[in-house]
Amino acid sequence: MRMKSTFMGSMEIVGEINSLKVKDGWLIMDLRTTTPTGWSLSAALTHEDIMSLLKLMFRPSNLRYVILGFGKPKDKDRSPEY
């Protein structure tokens, strides 16, 4: 996963999702960044957050990629256009 943040300027953050677990009514997503440094991050998602994500994923413009994986980056080292 590649991420950008306004506080990091144009620097890209690379990481991966380590786990999902339910805790106290939240879906906790644990992430670990690897570049530029190793950070542990957690996000607490509500049911509303998950439904919003699913709605976005199942838009016709995204559905082909979600289900079939068409458009996978050929060069994973190249930064995506945000």
Protein backbone atom coordinates (compact mmCIF):
# COMPACT_ATOMS: atom_id res chain seq x y z
CA MET A 1 0.00 0.00 0.00
CA ARG A 2 1.27 3.45 -0.85
CA MET A 3 0.08 6.54 0.99
CA LYS A 4 0.69 10.27 1.02
CA SER A 5 -0.04 12.81 3.70
CA THR A 6 -0.11 16.59 3.61
CA PHE A 7 2.18 16.79 6.65
CA MET A 8 4.85 14.76 4.81
CA GLY A 9 4.86 17.01 1.73
CA SER A 10 5.49 15.00 -1.43
CA MET A 11 7.08 12.08 0.45
CA GLU A 12 5.44 8.72 -0.13
CA ILE A 13 4.80 6.27 2.70
CA VAL A 14 4.89 2.54 1.92
CA GLY A 15 3.29 -0.02 4.21
CA GLU A 16 0.93 -2.93 4.58
CA ILE A 17 -2.13 -3.97 6.53
CA ASN A 18 -1.08 -6.39 9.27
CA SER A 19 -4.39 -7.28 10.87
CA LEU A 20 -8.07 -6.57 11.31
CA LYS A 21 -9.76 -7.29 14.62
CA VAL A 22 -12.97 -6.34 16.38
CA LYS A 23 -12.54 -4.55 19.69
CA ASP A 24 -15.19 -2.70 21.70
CA GLY A 25 -17.49 -2.30 18.70
CA TRP A 26 -14.76 -1.03 16.35
CA LEU A 27 -12.95 -2.81 13.54
CA ILE A 28 -9.30 -2.10 14.30
CA MET A 29 -6.96 -2.10 11.29
CA ASP A 30 -3.27 -2.35 12.17
CA LEU A 31 -0.77 -1.10 9.60
CA ARG A 32 3.00 -1.20 9.47
CA THR A 33 4.95 1.27 7.36
CA THR A 34 8.32 0.30 5.91
CA THR A 35 9.39 3.42 4.01
CA PRO A 36 10.58 6.04 4.90
CA THR A 37 10.59 4.53 8.38
CA GLY A 38 8.95 1.70 10.29
CA TRP A 39 5.87 2.97 12.06
CA SER A 40 2.95 1.10 13.57
CA LEU A 41 -0.41 2.71 12.81
CA SER A 42 -3.93 1.77 13.82
CA ALA A 43 -7.26 2.91 12.46
CA ALA A 44 -10.59 2.34 14.22
CA LEU A 45 -13.36 1.84 11.65
CA THR A 46 -17.08 2.07 12.31
CA HIS A 47 -19.77 0.20 10.43
CA GLU A 48 -20.47 3.44 8.55
CA ASP A 49 -16.80 3.66 7.48
CA ILE A 50 -16.88 0.10 6.14
CA MET A 51 -20.12 0.70 4.25
CA SER A 52 -18.63 3.86 2.69
CA LEU A 53 -15.56 1.91 1.61
CA LEU A 54 -17.67 -0.88 0.10
CA LYS A 55 -19.83 1.62 -1.80
CA LEU A 56 -16.70 3.19 -3.28
CA MET A 57 -15.15 -0.18 -4.13
CA PHE A 58 -18.28 -1.37 -5.93
CA ARG A 59 -18.68 1.66 -8.16
CA PRO A 60 -18.63 0.51 -11.77
CA SER A 61 -15.41 2.46 -12.37
CA ASN A 62 -13.65 0.48 -9.59
CA LEU A 63 -15.44 -2.87 -9.70
CA ARG A 64 -13.43 -4.38 -12.56
CA TYR A 65 -10.19 -3.75 -10.69
CA VAL A 66 -11.58 -5.00 -7.36
CA ILE A 67 -12.88 -8.29 -8.74
CA LEU A 68 -10.54 -9.09 -11.62
CA GLY A 69 -7.43 -7.09 -10.78
CA PHE A 70 -7.19 -5.46 -14.21
CA GLY A 71 -4.93 -2.46 -14.17
CA LYS A 72 -2.46 -3.87 -11.64
CA PRO A 73 0.68 -1.75 -11.74
CA LYS A 74 3.34 -3.34 -13.95
CA ASP A 75 6.09 -1.46 -12.15
CA LYS A 76 5.40 -1.54 -8.41
CA ASP A 77 8.51 0.58 -7.75
CA ARG A 78 7.04 3.49 -9.70
CA SER A 79 5.01 5.94 -7.64
CA PRO A 80 1.31 6.19 -8.54
CA GLU A 81 -0.18 9.50 -9.60
CA TYR A 82 -2.26 10.78 -6.65
